[in-house]
């Protein structure tokens, strides 16, 4: 697991946010902290029919950074992870309202 600060640009605004990169094939998640800071409208994001643009403008070079990039190269690529064993579909009610819960600490044994 790597935690780093990244500069994010969204709708002509720049933000300095904390990003966590984990090893493994899991879907990318957008944390509640990012949603609150950037004041994202989740309904618009969920129901929008547009493509997502991913780009990295600048990476500062250092030996620790290069070692981390090499170690997690399969996570830090432009492709999404995929699940080949199970196919799932979630059916939501049209008037469903998302519920948010405070983040819980991860037990030390799982780290």
Protein backbone atom coordinates (compact mmCIF):
# COMPACT_ATOMS: atom_id res chain seq x y z
CA UNK A 1 0.00 0.00 0.00
CA UNK A 2 1.27 3.46 -0.92
CA UNK A 3 -0.17 6.76 0.24
CA UNK A 4 0.82 9.88 -1.67
CA UNK A 5 -0.40 13.41 -2.22
CA UNK A 6 -1.60 14.19 -5.72
CA UNK A 7 -2.70 17.34 -7.50
CA UNK A 8 -6.15 16.80 -9.01
CA UNK A 9 -7.82 19.09 -11.53
CA UNK A 10 -11.60 18.86 -11.86
CA UNK A 11 -13.85 21.40 -13.60
CA UNK A 12 -11.08 24.02 -13.84
CA UNK A 13 -10.27 23.77 -10.10
CA UNK A 14 -7.10 22.29 -8.60
CA UNK A 15 -6.98 20.26 -5.40
CA UNK A 16 -4.13 18.69 -3.38
CA UNK A 17 -5.54 15.36 -2.19
CA UNK A 18 -4.29 12.18 -0.57
CA UNK A 19 -4.43 9.02 -2.70
CA UNK A 20 -3.91 5.43 -1.58
CA UNK A 21 -2.67 2.84 -4.08
CA UNK A 22 -3.09 -0.80 -3.11
CA UNK A 23 -1.71 -3.99 -4.62
CA UNK A 24 -4.25 -6.30 -6.20
CA UNK A 25 -7.06 -6.34 -8.71
CA UNK A 26 -9.77 -4.22 -7.14
CA UNK A 27 -11.95 -1.51 -8.64
CA UNK A 28 -10.85 2.11 -8.26
CA UNK A 29 -12.68 3.85 -5.42
CA UNK A 30 -13.37 7.52 -4.86
CA UNK A 31 -13.32 8.28 -1.14
CA UNK A 32 -15.80 10.44 0.74
CA UNK A 33 -13.00 12.93 1.45
CA UNK A 34 -12.52 13.55 -2.29
CA UNK A 35 -16.29 13.76 -2.85
CA UNK A 36 -16.69 16.37 -0.10
CA UNK A 37 -13.66 18.49 -1.02
CA UNK A 38 -14.47 18.61 -4.74
CA UNK A 39 -18.23 18.98 -4.02
CA UNK A 40 -19.11 16.21 -6.47
CA UNK A 41 -22.73 15.55 -7.40
CA UNK A 42 -22.95 11.76 -7.13
CA UNK A 43 -26.24 11.56 -9.02
CA UNK A 44 -24.68 13.34 -11.97
CA UNK A 45 -21.60 11.10 -11.90
CA UNK A 46 -23.55 7.86 -11.58
CA UNK A 47 -26.10 8.62 -14.30
CA UNK A 48 -23.86 10.54 -16.71
CA UNK A 49 -23.14 9.06 -20.12
CA UNK A 50 -19.63 10.37 -20.78
CA UNK A 51 -16.12 9.03 -21.06
CA UNK A 52 -13.56 9.42 -18.29
CA UNK A 53 -10.22 11.02 -19.10
CA UNK A 54 -7.19 9.82 -17.16
CA UNK A 55 -3.91 11.66 -17.42
CA UNK A 56 -0.75 12.17 -15.40
CA UNK A 57 0.94 15.48 -16.11
CA UNK A 58 4.06 15.32 -13.96
CA UNK A 59 5.81 12.74 -11.82
CA UNK A 60 8.65 13.77 -9.55
CA UNK A 61 11.53 11.35 -9.82
CA UNK A 62 13.16 9.83 -6.79
CA UNK A 63 14.54 6.40 -6.03
CA UNK A 64 11.73 5.62 -3.55
CA UNK A 65 9.10 6.74 -6.05
CA UNK A 66 10.67 4.72 -8.86
CA UNK A 67 10.84 1.64 -6.63
CA UNK A 68 7.17 2.04 -5.71
CA UNK A 69 6.13 2.59 -9.32
CA UNK A 70 8.00 -0.54 -10.36
CA UNK A 71 6.54 -2.61 -7.51
CA UNK A 72 2.96 -1.55 -8.31
CA UNK A 73 3.23 -1.26 -12.10
CA UNK A 74 0.29 -3.62 -12.66
CA UNK A 75 -1.92 -1.39 -10.44
CA UNK A 76 -0.77 1.92 -11.91
CA UNK A 77 -1.70 1.20 -15.50
CA UNK A 78 -4.53 2.73 -17.51
CA UNK A 79 -6.57 -0.48 -17.69
CA UNK A 80 -9.37 -1.30 -15.30
CA UNK A 81 -9.26 -4.50 -13.29
CA UNK A 82 -11.66 -7.24 -14.24
CA UNK A 83 -13.47 -10.16 -12.66
CA UNK A 84 -13.65 -13.31 -14.77
CA UNK A 85 -15.31 -15.75 -12.38
CA UNK A 86 -18.52 -13.93 -11.39
CA UNK A 87 -20.93 -11.64 -13.17
CA UNK A 88 -22.98 -9.31 -10.98
CA UNK A 89 -25.80 -6.86 -11.51
CA UNK A 90 -27.16 -4.49 -8.88
CA UNK A 91 -30.76 -3.41 -9.32
CA UNK A 92 -31.56 -0.18 -7.46
CA UNK A 93 -34.92 1.40 -6.90
CA UNK A 94 -35.36 4.60 -8.94
CA UNK A 95 -35.76 6.65 -5.75
CA UNK A 96 -32.82 5.05 -3.90
CA UNK A 97 -30.86 7.46 -1.69
CA UNK A 98 -27.17 6.75 -0.95
CA UNK A 99 -26.21 6.40 2.71
CA UNK A 100 -22.82 7.49 3.98
CA UNK A 101 -21.11 6.08 7.05
CA UNK A 102 -18.01 7.28 8.88
CA UNK A 103 -14.88 5.39 7.85
CA UNK A 104 -13.93 2.66 10.28
CA UNK A 105 -10.34 2.01 11.31
CA UNK A 106 -8.73 -1.06 9.78
CA UNK A 107 -7.61 -3.57 12.43
CA UNK A 108 -3.84 -3.78 12.69
CA UNK A 109 -3.94 -7.49 11.82
CA UNK A 110 -5.23 -6.66 8.30
CA UNK A 111 -2.42 -4.23 7.47
